[in-house]
Amino acid sequence: MTHNTPLSPRPLHDLSGRGRLRVMTVAQLRAHGVSTAQVNEQCTPGGPWQQLLPGVVLLHPGPPTSEERLHAVLRYAARERGTGVPAQPGADGSGAPAHPEAMITGLAALTLHGFSSTPPLPSLDVIDVLVPRMRRLRSTGCARIVRGVALPVPEQVTGLPVAPVARALADAVAGLADAVVVRRLMTEAVRGAYCEPAAVVRELNQARLLSRPHVVDAVDSLLAEGRAIAEDRLYRMVREYGLPDPVWNVDLRLPGGPYLGGLDAYWPEQAVALELDTRAPRQNDEAQWSEYARKREHLERLGITVVHITPRKLRDSVEQQAAVVRTALMAAADREPAAYVAVLPR
């Protein structure tokens, strides 16, 4: 046998047998020895197969399952550009393509991530699939093409490449005009600890969706929700890790002098301040960051140690953050006394 010897055709019933994922591309079928004429014959009306998407064949009659639709959309989108040849089979030997540069996004992705406020997969008429902007594909059938300049690293969910929650949420919001639905999705993303508000706003900003009034309203609620959750985690951190009780949510001012800024927590005896960074990346982010940096520099010139914590750090590494605060409190004994400041309720 030479390298030009064609593969021996596999019996068609083997390809569509039970226990196998019964979705294949025409190119994959050819690799198994099934000619284009045979594919066309099998896909005639009333035949045993059907063309689900261009170049993608469902190897049984009747409606596809949700899993089959997801795989069909990925196989359609993952074909190598310009050739119609599918991606190489995965390393597990299953014959399933690796789906390079294609991932499920939008509402289908959120459902796969476990959202309860999104429709179940069988009720979705179309499935969004994210591909690079230059791919020459069109939306058709159950596949809706979403293009992106910079694609995120997909997450594997039930063995499928799925866009991270923040990106999938932005792609879903892009096609939604119902303010109630948009707000419900954003709220679940934060309450369910799927992602931080800043990540969502970053994706919305990059998708140029923050000019839509109903999106802006939902973002304001999202940020308020995110701050409330972060504050609750901060309270629990102080309590559960045995830190001294600070004064909460205060403003600092020099006696008879200027306002120094607001803080989420302050330990007056140790002159340690803690600030939650719940800023969201919007167009005025640079000015907001400059104002924050000026406040921090001013406090530190007065001898006040400023601890900066993000909501994500409180969620993912709370023990480490508690250690940072404890170290700052213990180091106070080795520092020069801080300037006296007035502590006022916010």
C-alpha atoms as a PDB file:
ATOM      1  CA  MET A   1       0.000   0.000   0.000  1.00  0.00           C
ATOM      2  CA  THR A   2       1.290   3.470  -0.879  1.00  0.00           C
ATOM      3  CA  HIS A   3       0.415   6.813   0.637  1.00  0.00           C
ATOM      4  CA  ASN A   4      -1.859   7.409  -2.385  1.00  0.00           C
ATOM      5  CA  THR A   5      -3.981   4.352  -1.700  1.00  0.00           C
ATOM      6  CA  PRO A   6      -7.505   5.475  -0.777  1.00  0.00           C
ATOM      7  CA  LEU A   7      -9.065   4.400   2.491  1.00  0.00           C
ATOM      8  CA  SER A   8     -11.343   1.404   2.307  1.00  0.00           C
ATOM      9  CA  PRO A   9     -14.948   2.605   2.476  1.00  0.00           C
ATOM     10  CA  ARG A  10     -16.616   2.058   5.838  1.00  0.00           C
ATOM     11  CA  PRO A  11     -20.127   0.654   5.797  1.00  0.00           C
ATOM     12  CA  LEU A  12     -22.601   3.503   6.033  1.00  0.00           C
ATOM     13  CA  HIS A  13     -24.387   1.871   8.967  1.00  0.00           C
ATOM     14  CA  ASP A  14     -21.107   2.015  10.915  1.00  0.00           C
ATOM     15  CA  LEU A  15     -20.920   5.786  10.449  1.00  0.00           C
ATOM     16  CA  SER A  16     -24.425   6.362  11.737  1.00  0.00           C
ATOM     17  CA  GLY A  17     -24.479   3.658  14.397  1.00  0.00           C
ATOM     18  CA  ARG A  18     -25.635   4.191  17.919  1.00  0.00           C
ATOM     19  CA  GLY A  19     -23.131   5.448  20.472  1.00  0.00           C
ATOM     20  CA  ARG A  20     -21.393   7.696  17.937  1.00  0.00           C
ATOM     21  CA  LEU A  21     -21.807  11.426  17.459  1.00  0.00           C
ATOM     22  CA  ARG A  22     -23.821  11.383  14.265  1.00  0.00           C
ATOM     23  CA  VAL A  23     -22.638  14.698  12.796  1.00  0.00           C
ATOM     24  CA  MET A  24     -19.879  14.781  10.184  1.00  0.00           C
ATOM     25  CA  THR A  25     -18.633  17.109   7.503  1.00  0.00           C
ATOM     26  CA  VAL A  26     -18.651  16.097   3.850  1.00  0.00           C
ATOM     27  CA  ALA A  27     -14.850  16.161   3.939  1.00  0.00           C
ATOM     28  CA  GLN A  28     -14.806  13.757   6.883  1.00  0.00           C
ATOM     29  CA  LEU A  29     -17.181  11.446   5.067  1.00  0.00           C
ATOM     30  CA  ARG A  30     -14.917  11.478   2.009  1.00  0.00           C
ATOM     31  CA  ALA A  31     -12.002  10.562   4.282  1.00  0.00           C
ATOM     32  CA  HIS A  32     -14.053   7.514   5.309  1.00  0.00           C
ATOM     33  CA  GLY A  33     -14.542   6.541   1.681  1.00  0.00           C
ATOM     34  CA  VAL A  34     -18.022   7.988   1.188  1.00  0.00           C
ATOM     35  CA  SER A  35     -18.228   9.753  -2.167  1.00  0.00           C
ATOM     36  CA  THR A  36     -20.051  13.005  -2.761  1.00  0.00           C
ATOM     37  CA  ALA A  37     -22.580  11.114  -4.881  1.00  0.00           C
ATOM     38  CA  GLN A  38     -23.271   8.751  -1.995  1.00  0.00           C
ATOM     39  CA  VAL A  39     -23.708  11.665   0.409  1.00  0.00           C
ATOM     40  CA  ASN A  40     -26.187  13.311  -1.976  1.00  0.00           C
ATOM     41  CA  GLU A  41     -28.072  10.040  -2.350  1.00  0.00           C
ATOM     42  CA  GLN A  42     -28.293   9.534   1.427  1.00  0.00           C
ATOM     43  CA  CYS A  43     -29.503  13.127   1.918  1.00  0.00           C
ATOM     44  CA  THR A  44     -32.422  12.986  -0.517  1.00  0.00           C
ATOM     45  CA  PRO A  45     -35.866  13.839   0.949  1.00  0.00           C
ATOM     46  CA  GLY A  46     -36.992  10.916   3.072  1.00  0.00           C
ATOM     47  CA  GLY A  47     -33.469   9.488   3.078  1.00  0.00           C
ATOM     48  CA  PRO A  48     -31.523   8.255   6.118  1.00  0.00           C
ATOM     49  CA  TRP A  49     -29.295  11.351   6.297  1.00  0.00           C
ATOM     50  CA  GLN A  50     -29.866  15.102   6.009  1.00  0.00           C
ATOM     51  CA  GLN A  51     -27.754  18.172   5.371  1.00  0.00           C
ATOM     52  CA  LEU A  52     -27.981  20.184   8.559  1.00  0.00           C
ATOM     53  CA  LEU A  53     -25.666  23.022   7.465  1.00  0.00           C
ATOM     54  CA  PRO A  54     -23.599  23.607   4.328  1.00  0.00           C
ATOM     55  CA  GLY A  55     -20.986  20.867   4.265  1.00  0.00           C
ATOM     56  CA  VAL A  56     -22.293  19.309   7.498  1.00  0.00           C
ATOM     57  CA  VAL A  57     -24.383  16.140   7.480  1.00  0.00           C
ATOM     58  CA  LEU A  58     -26.651  14.688  10.158  1.00  0.00           C
ATOM     59  CA  LEU A  59     -26.387  10.914   9.922  1.00  0.00           C
ATOM     60  CA  HIS A  60     -29.984  10.127  10.857  1.00  0.00           C
ATOM     61  CA  PRO A  61     -33.475  11.311   9.943  1.00  0.00           C
ATOM     62  CA  GLY A  62     -35.554  13.430  12.267  1.00  0.00           C
ATOM     63  CA  PRO A  63     -34.628  16.519  14.253  1.00  0.00           C
ATOM     64  CA  PRO A  64     -31.115  16.874  15.671  1.00  0.00           C
ATOM     65  CA  THR A  65     -30.461  16.825  19.387  1.00  0.00           C
ATOM     66  CA  SER A  66     -29.058  19.912  21.126  1.00  0.00           C
ATOM     67  CA  GLU A  67     -25.634  18.255  21.273  1.00  0.00           C
ATOM     68  CA  GLU A  68     -25.761  17.532  17.557  1.00  0.00           C
ATOM     69  CA  ARG A  69     -26.712  21.125  16.730  1.00  0.00           C
ATOM     70  CA  LEU A  70     -23.808  22.449  18.823  1.00  0.00           C
ATOM     71  CA  HIS A  71     -21.331  20.130  17.126  1.00  0.00           C
ATOM     72  CA  ALA A  72     -22.791  20.903  13.699  1.00  0.00           C
ATOM     73  CA  VAL A  73     -22.390  24.648  14.219  1.00  0.00           C
ATOM     74  CA  LEU A  74     -18.791  24.198  15.345  1.00  0.00           C
ATOM     75  CA  ARG A  75     -17.984  21.892  12.434  1.00  0.00           C
ATOM     76  CA  TYR A  76     -19.471  24.415  10.023  1.00  0.00           C
ATOM     77  CA  ALA A  77     -17.493  27.309  11.512  1.00  0.00           C
ATOM     78  CA  ALA A  78     -14.256  25.388  12.009  1.00  0.00           C
ATOM     79  CA  ARG A  79     -13.671  24.455   8.398  1.00  0.00           C
ATOM     80  CA  GLU A  80     -10.265  25.698   7.256  1.00  0.00           C
ATOM     81  CA  ARG A  81     -10.762  28.958   5.424  1.00  0.00           C
ATOM     82  CA  GLY A  82     -11.193  28.652   1.714  1.00  0.00           C
ATOM     83  CA  THR A  83     -10.779  24.851   1.523  1.00  0.00           C
ATOM     84  CA  GLY A  84     -13.885  23.410   3.108  1.00  0.00           C
ATOM     85  CA  VAL A  85     -11.622  20.909   4.875  1.00  0.00           C
ATOM     86  CA  PRO A  86     -12.479  20.333   8.522  1.00  0.00           C
ATOM     87  CA  ALA A  87     -10.013  20.668  11.341  1.00  0.00           C
ATOM     88  CA  GLN A  88      -7.852  17.678  12.161  1.00  0.00           C
ATOM     89  CA  PRO A  89      -9.363  15.141  14.551  1.00  0.00           C
ATOM     90  CA  GLY A  90      -8.782  15.647  18.238  1.00  0.00           C
ATOM     91  CA  ALA A  91      -6.001  13.965  20.124  1.00  0.00           C
ATOM     92  CA  ASP A  92      -8.456  11.670  21.882  1.00  0.00           C
ATOM     93  CA  GLY A  93      -8.948   9.735  18.663  1.00  0.00           C
ATOM     94  CA  SER A  94     -12.677  10.290  18.675  1.00  0.00           C
ATOM     95  CA  GLY A  95     -12.642  11.869  15.247  1.00  0.00           C
ATOM     96  CA  ALA A  96     -14.180  15.066  16.643  1.00  0.00           C
ATOM     97  CA  PRO A  97     -12.505  18.176  15.237  1.00  0.00           C
ATOM     98  CA  ALA A  98     -10.598  20.475  17.534  1.00  0.00           C
ATOM     99  CA  HIS A  99     -12.661  23.454  16.284  1.00  0.00           C
ATOM    100  CA  PRO A 100      -9.761  25.928  16.048  1.00  0.00           C
ATOM    101  CA  GLU A 101     -10.746  29.585  16.022  1.00  0.00           C
ATOM    102  CA  ALA A 102     -14.404  28.813  16.659  1.00  0.00           C
ATOM    103  CA  MET A 103     -16.350  28.686  19.903  1.00  0.00           C
ATOM    104  CA  ILE A 104     -19.954  28.761  21.108  1.00  0.00           C
ATOM    105  CA  THR A 105     -20.971  32.191  22.408  1.00  0.00           C
ATOM    106  CA  GLY A 106     -24.096  34.224  23.193  1.00  0.00           C
ATOM    107  CA  LEU A 107     -27.141  32.715  24.884  1.00  0.00           C
ATOM    108  CA  ALA A 108     -26.162  29.133  24.065  1.00  0.00           C
ATOM    109  CA  ALA A 109     -22.802  29.631  25.773  1.00  0.00           C
ATOM    110  CA  LEU A 110     -24.442  31.116  28.868  1.00  0.00           C
ATOM    111  CA  THR A 111     -26.791  28.134  29.056  1.00  0.00           C
ATOM    112  CA  LEU A 112     -23.820  25.781  28.792  1.00  0.00           C
ATOM    113  CA  HIS A 113     -22.094  27.698  31.603  1.00  0.00           C
ATOM    114  CA  GLY A 114     -25.127  26.965  33.778  1.00  0.00           C
ATOM    115  CA  PHE A 115     -27.231  30.153  33.654  1.00  0.00           C
ATOM    116  CA  SER A 116     -30.817  29.633  34.744  1.00  0.00           C
ATOM    117  CA  SER A 117     -32.169  32.820  33.140  1.00  0.00           C
ATOM    118  CA  THR A 118     -31.267  31.808  29.584  1.00  0.00           C
ATOM    119  CA  PRO A 119     -33.470  29.646  27.361  1.00  0.00           C
ATOM    120  CA  PRO A 120     -32.768  25.900  27.279  1.00  0.00           C
ATOM    121  CA  LEU A 121     -30.762  24.811  24.264  1.00  0.00           C
ATOM    122  CA  PRO A 122     -33.665  23.065  22.449  1.00  0.00           C
ATOM    123  CA  SER A 123     -35.653  26.318  22.408  1.00  0.00           C
ATOM    124  CA  LEU A 124     -32.897  28.358  20.720  1.00  0.00           C
ATOM    125  CA  ASP A 125     -33.589  28.787  17.021  1.00  0.00           C
ATOM    126  CA  VAL A 126     -29.987  29.769  16.352  1.00  0.00           C
ATOM    127  CA  ILE A 127     -26.662  29.123  18.078  1.00  0.00           C
ATOM    128  CA  ASP A 128     -24.059  31.886  18.067  1.00  0.00           C
ATOM    129  CA  VAL A 129     -20.542  30.845  17.115  1.00  0.00           C
ATOM    130  CA  LEU A 130     -17.589  33.213  17.495  1.00  0.00           C
ATOM    131  CA  VAL A 131     -14.964  33.271  14.742  1.00  0.00           C
ATOM    132  CA  PRO A 132     -12.118  35.621  13.708  1.00  0.00           C
ATOM    133  CA  ARG A 133     -13.272  38.740  11.886  1.00  0.00           C
ATOM    134  CA  MET A 134     -11.611  37.799   8.580  1.00  0.00           C
ATOM    135  CA  ARG A 135     -13.282  34.394   8.272  1.00  0.00           C
ATOM    136  CA  ARG A 136     -15.460  34.256   5.165  1.00  0.00           C
ATOM    137  CA  LEU A 137     -18.537  32.614   6.609  1.00  0.00           C
ATOM    138  CA  ARG A 138     -22.194  33.543   6.574  1.00  0.00           C
ATOM    139  CA  SER A 139     -24.956  32.869   9.041  1.00  0.00           C
ATOM    140  CA  THR A 140     -27.232  30.091   7.874  1.00  0.00           C
ATOM    141  CA  GLY A 141     -29.689  27.638   9.361  1.00  0.00           C
ATOM    142  CA  CYS A 142     -29.085  27.229  13.085  1.00  0.00           C
ATOM    143  CA  ALA A 143     -25.628  28.819  12.891  1.00  0.00           C
ATOM    144  CA  ARG A 144     -25.295  32.560  13.515  1.00  0.00           C
ATOM    145  CA  ILE A 145     -21.795  33.841  12.885  1.00  0.00           C
ATOM    146  CA  VAL A 146     -20.369  36.365  15.361  1.00  0.00           C
ATOM    147  CA  ARG A 147     -17.068  37.931  14.357  1.00  0.00           C
ATOM    148  CA  GLY A 148     -14.390  39.255  16.684  1.00  0.00           C
ATOM    149  CA  VAL A 149     -11.033  40.944  16.242  1.00  0.00           C
ATOM    150  CA  ALA A 150      -9.416  39.389  19.315  1.00  0.00           C
ATOM    151  CA  LEU A 151     -10.872  36.057  20.347  1.00  0.00           C
ATOM    152  CA  PRO A 152     -10.674  34.978  23.996  1.00  0.00           C
ATOM    153  CA  VAL A 153      -9.275  31.645  25.069  1.00  0.00           C
ATOM    154  CA  PRO A 154     -12.277  29.288  25.049  1.00  0.00           C
ATOM    155  CA  GLU A 155     -13.307  27.282  28.086  1.00  0.00           C
ATOM    156  CA  GLN A 156     -14.113  23.608  27.722  1.00  0.00           C
ATOM    157  CA  VAL A 157     -17.711  22.944  28.772  1.00  0.00           C
ATOM    158  CA  THR A 158     -19.061  19.422  28.232  1.00  0.00           C
ATOM    159  CA  GLY A 159     -16.151  18.921  25.861  1.00  0.00           C
ATOM    160  CA  LEU A 160     -17.025  21.933  23.696  1.00  0.00           C
ATOM    161  CA  PRO A 161     -15.098  25.193  23.217  1.00  0.00           C
ATOM    162  CA  VAL A 162     -17.236  27.897  24.822  1.00  0.00           C
ATOM    163  CA  ALA A 163     -16.538  31.629  25.145  1.00  0.00           C
ATOM    164  CA  PRO A 164     -15.865  32.856  28.702  1.00  0.00           C
ATOM    165  CA  VAL A 165     -18.937  34.224  30.455  1.00  0.00           C
ATOM    166  CA  ALA A 166     -18.070  37.929  30.084  1.00  0.00           C
ATOM    167  CA  ARG A 167     -17.553  37.599  26.324  1.00  0.00           C
ATOM    168  CA  ALA A 168     -20.591  35.356  25.831  1.00  0.00           C
ATOM    169  CA  LEU A 169     -22.693  37.851  27.795  1.00  0.00           C
ATOM    170  CA  ALA A 170     -21.563  40.768  25.617  1.00  0.00           C
ATOM    171  CA  ASP A 171     -22.332  38.785  22.456  1.00  0.00           C
ATOM    172  CA  ALA A 172     -25.776  37.914  23.831  1.00  0.00           C
ATOM    173  CA  VAL A 173     -26.527  41.518  24.829  1.00  0.00           C
ATOM    174  CA  ALA A 174     -25.596  42.713  21.338  1.00  0.00           C
ATOM    175  CA  GLY A 175     -28.683  40.967  20.000  1.00  0.00           C
ATOM    176  CA  LEU A 176     -31.103  41.872  22.797  1.00  0.00           C
ATOM    177  CA  ALA A 177     -33.355  44.940  22.999  1.00  0.00           C
ATOM    178  CA  ASP A 178     -35.309  43.935  26.104  1.00  0.00           C
ATOM    179  CA  ALA A 179     -33.926  45.898  29.067  1.00  0.00           C
ATOM    180  CA  VAL A 180     -35.412  43.450  31.588  1.00  0.00           C
ATOM    181  CA  VAL A 181     -33.715  40.467  29.954  1.00  0.00           C
ATOM    182  CA  VAL A 182     -30.375  42.289  29.713  1.00  0.00           C
ATOM    183  CA  ARG A 183     -30.491  43.273  33.385  1.00  0.00           C
ATOM    184  CA  ARG A 184     -31.481  39.747  34.430  1.00  0.00           C
ATOM    185  CA  LEU A 185     -28.533  38.212  32.566  1.00  0.00           C
ATOM    186  CA  MET A 186     -26.039  40.679  34.031  1.00  0.00           C
ATOM    187  CA  THR A 187     -27.390  40.195  37.531  1.00  0.00           C
ATOM    188  CA  GLU A 188     -27.058  36.419  37.311  1.00  0.00           C
ATOM    189  CA  ALA A 189     -23.503  36.747  35.998  1.00  0.00           C
ATOM    190  CA  VAL A 190     -22.490  38.616  39.158  1.00  0.00           C
ATOM    191  CA  ARG A 191     -24.703  36.935  41.771  1.00  0.00           C
ATOM    192  CA  GLY A 192     -23.753  33.521  40.457  1.00  0.00           C
ATOM    193  CA  ALA A 193     -20.030  34.424  40.702  1.00  0.00           C
ATOM    194  CA  TYR A 194     -19.531  33.604  37.030  1.00  0.00           C
ATOM    195  CA  CYS A 195     -17.426  36.750  36.519  1.00  0.00           C
ATOM    196  CA  GLU A 196     -16.694  40.178  37.954  1.00  0.00           C
ATOM    197  CA  PRO A 197     -18.594  43.299  36.831  1.00  0.00           C
ATOM    198  CA  ALA A 198     -15.408  44.911  35.510  1.00  0.00           C
ATOM    199  CA  ALA A 199     -14.889  42.026  33.063  1.00  0.00           C
ATOM    200  CA  VAL A 200     -18.442  42.391  31.746  1.00  0.00           C
ATOM    201  CA  VAL A 201     -18.145  46.162  31.312  1.00  0.00           C
ATOM    202  CA  ARG A 202     -14.804  45.722  29.557  1.00  0.00           C
ATOM    203  CA  GLU A 203     -16.356  43.384  26.992  1.00  0.00           C
ATOM    204  CA  LEU A 204     -19.397  45.655  26.545  1.00  0.00           C
ATOM    205  CA  ASN A 205     -17.114  48.623  26.015  1.00  0.00           C
ATOM    206  CA  GLN A 206     -15.011  46.797  23.434  1.00  0.00           C
ATOM    207  CA  ALA A 207     -18.194  45.765  21.630  1.00  0.00           C
ATOM    208  CA  ARG A 208     -19.334  49.437  21.646  1.00  0.00           C
ATOM    209  CA  LEU A 209     -22.559  48.601  23.441  1.00  0.00           C
ATOM    210  CA  LEU A 210     -22.325  51.215  26.195  1.00  0.00           C
ATOM    211  CA  SER A 211     -24.041  53.798  24.016  1.00  0.00           C
ATOM    212  CA  ARG A 212     -27.328  51.886  24.229  1.00  0.00           C
ATOM    213  CA  PRO A 213     -29.518  53.335  27.015  1.00  0.00           C
ATOM    214  CA  HIS A 214     -30.939  50.008  28.184  1.00  0.00           C
ATOM    215  CA  VAL A 215     -27.413  48.568  28.397  1.00  0.00           C
ATOM    216  CA  VAL A 216     -26.145  51.570  30.376  1.00  0.00           C
ATOM    217  CA  ASP A 217     -29.026  51.206  32.853  1.00  0.00           C
ATOM    218  CA  ALA A 218     -28.249  47.519  33.281  1.00  0.00           C
ATOM    219  CA  VAL A 219     -24.550  48.272  33.787  1.00  0.00           C
ATOM    220  CA  ASP A 220     -25.340  50.751  36.568  1.00  0.00           C
ATOM    221  CA  SER A 221     -27.351  48.042  38.348  1.00  0.00           C
ATOM    222  CA  LEU A 222     -24.568  45.533  37.660  1.00  0.00           C
ATOM    223  CA  LEU A 223     -21.914  47.741  39.266  1.00  0.00           C
ATOM    224  CA  ALA A 224     -24.101  48.414  42.301  1.00  0.00           C
ATOM    225  CA  GLU A 225     -24.745  44.696  42.672  1.00  0.00           C
ATOM    226  CA  GLY A 226     -21.054  43.916  42.300  1.00  0.00           C
ATOM    227  CA  ARG A 227     -20.051  46.466  44.936  1.00  0.00           C
ATOM    228  CA  ALA A 228     -22.595  45.129  47.416  1.00  0.00           C
ATOM    229  CA  ILE A 229     -21.280  41.578  46.936  1.00  0.00           C
ATOM    230  CA  ALA A 230     -17.654  42.740  47.291  1.00  0.00           C
ATOM    231  CA  GLU A 231     -18.459  44.661  50.483  1.00  0.00           C
ATOM    232  CA  ASP A 232     -20.141  41.592  51.963  1.00  0.00           C
ATOM    233  CA  ARG A 233     -17.043  39.511  51.173  1.00  0.00           C
ATOM    234  CA  LEU A 234     -14.878  42.160  52.815  1.00  0.00           C
ATOM    235  CA  TYR A 235     -16.985  42.080  56.015  1.00  0.00           C
ATOM    236  CA  ARG A 236     -16.739  38.292  56.102  1.00  0.00           C
ATOM    237  CA  MET A 237     -12.963  38.385  55.533  1.00  0.00           C
ATOM    238  CA  VAL A 238     -12.415  40.644  58.556  1.00  0.00           C
ATOM    239  CA  ARG A 239     -14.682  38.490  60.714  1.00  0.00           C
ATOM    240  CA  GLU A 240     -13.568  35.021  59.619  1.00  0.00           C
ATOM    241  CA  TYR A 241      -9.821  35.731  59.642  1.00  0.00           C
ATOM    242  CA  GLY A 242      -9.831  37.441  63.027  1.00  0.00           C
ATOM    243  CA  LEU A 243      -8.734  40.886  61.891  1.00  0.00           C
ATOM    244  CA  PRO A 244      -9.313  43.870  64.223  1.00  0.00           C
ATOM    245  CA  ASP A 245     -12.564  45.676  63.539  1.00  0.00           C
ATOM    246  CA  PRO A 246     -12.041  48.789  61.422  1.00  0.00           C
ATOM    247  CA  VAL A 247     -14.345  51.744  61.048  1.00  0.00           C
ATOM    248  CA  TRP A 248     -16.387  51.138  57.917  1.00  0.00           C
ATOM    249  CA  ASN A 249     -17.217  53.475  55.013  1.00  0.00           C
ATOM    250  CA  VAL A 250     -15.619  56.689  56.240  1.00  0.00           C
ATOM    251  CA  ASP A 251     -14.240  59.930  54.824  1.00  0.00           C
ATOM    252  CA  LEU A 252     -10.863  61.317  55.861  1.00  0.00           C
ATOM    253  CA  ARG A 253     -10.102  65.018  56.203  1.00  0.00           C
ATOM    254  CA  LEU A 254      -7.204  66.995  57.555  1.00  0.00           C
ATOM    255  CA  PRO A 255      -8.319  69.030  60.604  1.00  0.00           C
ATOM    256  CA  GLY A 256      -9.360  72.381  59.214  1.00  0.00           C
ATOM    257  CA  GLY A 257      -7.969  71.290  55.869  1.00  0.00           C
ATOM    258  CA  PRO A 258      -8.911  69.566  52.648  1.00  0.00           C
ATOM    259  CA  TYR A 259     -10.973  66.447  52.079  1.00  0.00           C
ATOM    260  CA  LEU A 260      -8.705  63.410  51.579  1.00  0.00           C
ATOM    261  CA  GLY A 261     -11.183  60.923  50.178  1.00  0.00           C
ATOM    262  CA  GLY A 262     -13.500  58.078  51.106  1.00  0.00           C
ATOM    263  CA  LEU A 263     -12.452  54.614  52.264  1.00  0.00           C
ATOM    264  CA  ASP A 264     -14.198  51.288  52.618  1.00  0.00           C
ATOM    265  CA  ALA A 265     -12.359  50.474  55.860  1.00  0.00           C
ATOM    266  CA  TYR A 266      -9.892  52.289  58.119  1.00  0.00           C
ATOM    267  CA  TRP A 267      -7.893  51.238  61.175  1.00  0.00           C
ATOM    268  CA  PRO A 268      -7.148  54.563  62.947  1.00  0.00           C
ATOM    269  CA  GLU A 269      -4.660  53.206  65.512  1.00  0.00           C
ATOM    270  CA  GLN A 270      -2.496  51.607  62.826  1.00  0.00           C
ATOM    271  CA  ALA A 271      -3.242  54.254  60.129  1.00  0.00           C
ATOM    272  CA  VAL A 272      -4.115  51.543  57.599  1.00  0.00           C
ATOM    273  CA  ALA A 273      -6.714  52.295  54.931  1.00  0.00           C
ATOM    274  CA  LEU A 274      -8.442  49.775  52.686  1.00  0.00           C
ATOM    275  CA  GLU A 275     -10.110  50.573  49.406  1.00  0.00           C
ATOM    276  CA  LEU A 276     -12.131  48.290  47.184  1.00  0.00           C
ATOM    277  CA  ASP A 277     -11.369  48.909  43.532  1.00  0.00           C
ATOM    278  CA  THR A 278     -14.710  48.465  41.806  1.00  0.00           C
ATOM    279  CA  ARG A 279     -13.889  50.746  38.913  1.00  0.00           C
ATOM    280  CA  ALA A 280     -15.213  49.641  35.547  1.00  0.00           C
ATOM    281  CA  PRO A 281     -13.293  50.241  32.314  1.00  0.00           C
ATOM    282  CA  ARG A 282     -15.265  53.011  30.659  1.00  0.00           C
ATOM    283  CA  GLN A 283     -14.188  55.874  28.515  1.00  0.00           C
ATOM    284  CA  ASN A 284     -13.358  58.080  31.541  1.00  0.00           C
ATOM    285  CA  ASP A 285     -11.351  55.320  33.209  1.00  0.00           C
ATOM    286  CA  GLU A 286      -8.029  57.140  32.805  1.00  0.00           C
ATOM    287  CA  ALA A 287      -9.291  60.199  34.663  1.00  0.00           C
ATOM    288  CA  GLN A 288     -10.815  57.996  37.349  1.00  0.00           C
ATOM    289  CA  TRP A 289      -7.536  56.133  37.801  1.00  0.00           C
ATOM    290  CA  SER A 290      -5.585  59.399  38.016  1.00  0.00           C
ATOM    291  CA  GLU A 291      -7.888  60.629  40.769  1.00  0.00           C
ATOM    292  CA  TYR A 292      -7.473  57.368  42.660  1.00  0.00           C
ATOM    293  CA  ALA A 293      -3.664  57.509  42.316  1.00  0.00           C
ATOM    294  CA  ARG A 294      -3.564  61.101  43.581  1.00  0.00           C
ATOM    295  CA  LYS A 295      -5.622  60.167  46.636  1.00  0.00           C
ATOM    296  CA  ARG A 296      -3.389  57.200  47.415  1.00  0.00           C
ATOM    297  CA  GLU A 297      -0.184  59.239  47.067  1.00  0.00           C
ATOM    298  CA  HIS A 298      -1.576  61.969  49.323  1.00  0.00           C
ATOM    299  CA  LEU A 299      -2.538  59.482  52.044  1.00  0.00           C
ATOM    300  CA  GLU A 300       0.811  57.737  51.903  1.00  0.00           C
ATOM    301  CA  ARG A 301       2.650  61.083  52.233  1.00  0.00           C
ATOM    302  CA  LEU A 302       0.717  61.535  55.468  1.00  0.00           C
ATOM    303  CA  GLY A 303       2.006  58.159  56.675  1.00  0.00           C
ATOM    304  CA  ILE A 304      -1.196  56.212  56.010  1.00  0.00           C
ATOM    305  CA  THR A 305      -0.750  52.751  54.478  1.00  0.00           C
ATOM    306  CA  VAL A 306      -3.248  52.104  51.683  1.00  0.00           C
ATOM    307  CA  VAL A 307      -4.265  48.515  50.892  1.00  0.00           C
ATOM    308  CA  HIS A 308      -5.854  48.096  47.484  1.00  0.00           C
ATOM    309  CA  ILE A 309      -8.123  45.060  46.933  1.00  0.00           C
ATOM    310  CA  THR A 310     -10.206  44.111  43.903  1.00  0.00           C
ATOM    311  CA  PRO A 311     -13.483  42.154  44.114  1.00  0.00           C
ATOM    312  CA  ARG A 312     -11.864  39.351  42.137  1.00  0.00           C
ATOM    313  CA  LYS A 313      -9.073  38.962  44.710  1.00  0.00           C
ATOM    314  CA  LEU A 314     -11.658  38.854  47.486  1.00  0.00           C
ATOM    315  CA  ARG A 315     -13.440  36.095  45.619  1.00  0.00           C
ATOM    316  CA  ASP A 316     -10.470  34.005  44.488  1.00  0.00           C
ATOM    317  CA  SER A 317      -7.793  34.555  47.153  1.00  0.00           C
ATOM    318  CA  VAL A 318      -9.459  35.873  50.303  1.00  0.00           C
ATOM    319  CA  GLU A 319      -6.947  34.202  52.653  1.00  0.00           C
ATOM    320  CA  GLN A 320      -4.073  35.911  50.868  1.00  0.00           C
ATOM    321  CA  GLN A 321      -5.846  39.283  51.047  1.00  0.00           C
ATOM    322  CA  ALA A 322      -6.436  38.827  54.784  1.00  0.00           C
ATOM    323  CA  ALA A 323      -2.713  38.154  55.190  1.00  0.00           C
ATOM    324  CA  VAL A 324      -1.886  41.355  53.301  1.00  0.00           C
ATOM    325  CA  VAL A 325      -4.101  43.410  55.632  1.00  0.00           C
ATOM    326  CA  ARG A 326      -2.715  41.690  58.742  1.00  0.00           C
ATOM    327  CA  THR A 327       0.868  42.378  57.607  1.00  0.00           C
ATOM    328  CA  ALA A 328       0.071  46.060  57.046  1.00  0.00           C
ATOM    329  CA  LEU A 329      -1.465  46.303  60.537  1.00  0.00           C
ATOM    330  CA  MET A 330       1.503  44.593  62.181  1.00  0.00           C
ATOM    331  CA  ALA A 331       4.002  46.795  60.329  1.00  0.00           C
ATOM    332  CA  ALA A 332       2.414  49.913  61.796  1.00  0.00           C
ATOM    333  CA  ALA A 333       4.502  49.563  64.966  1.00  0.00           C
ATOM    334  CA  ASP A 334       7.712  49.990  62.958  1.00  0.00           C
ATOM    335  CA  ARG A 335       6.598  53.133  61.128  1.00  0.00           C
ATOM    336  CA  GLU A 336       6.742  56.760  62.064  1.00  0.00           C
ATOM    337  CA  PRO A 337       3.397  57.953  63.475  1.00  0.00           C
ATOM    338  CA  ALA A 338       1.020  59.106  60.776  1.00  0.00           C
ATOM    339  CA  ALA A 339      -0.383  62.631  60.606  1.00  0.00           C
ATOM    340  CA  TYR A 340      -3.584  63.155  62.524  1.00  0.00           C
ATOM    341  CA  VAL A 341      -6.659  63.017  60.324  1.00  0.00           C
ATOM    342  CA  ALA A 342     -10.332  63.474  61.089  1.00  0.00           C
ATOM    343  CA  VAL A 343     -12.442  60.366  60.474  1.00  0.00           C
ATOM    344  CA  LEU A 344     -16.019  61.157  59.458  1.00  0.00           C
ATOM    345  CA  PRO A 345     -18.939  58.849  58.619  1.00  0.00           C
ATOM    346  CA  ARG A 346     -19.614  58.722  54.907  1.00  0.00           C
END
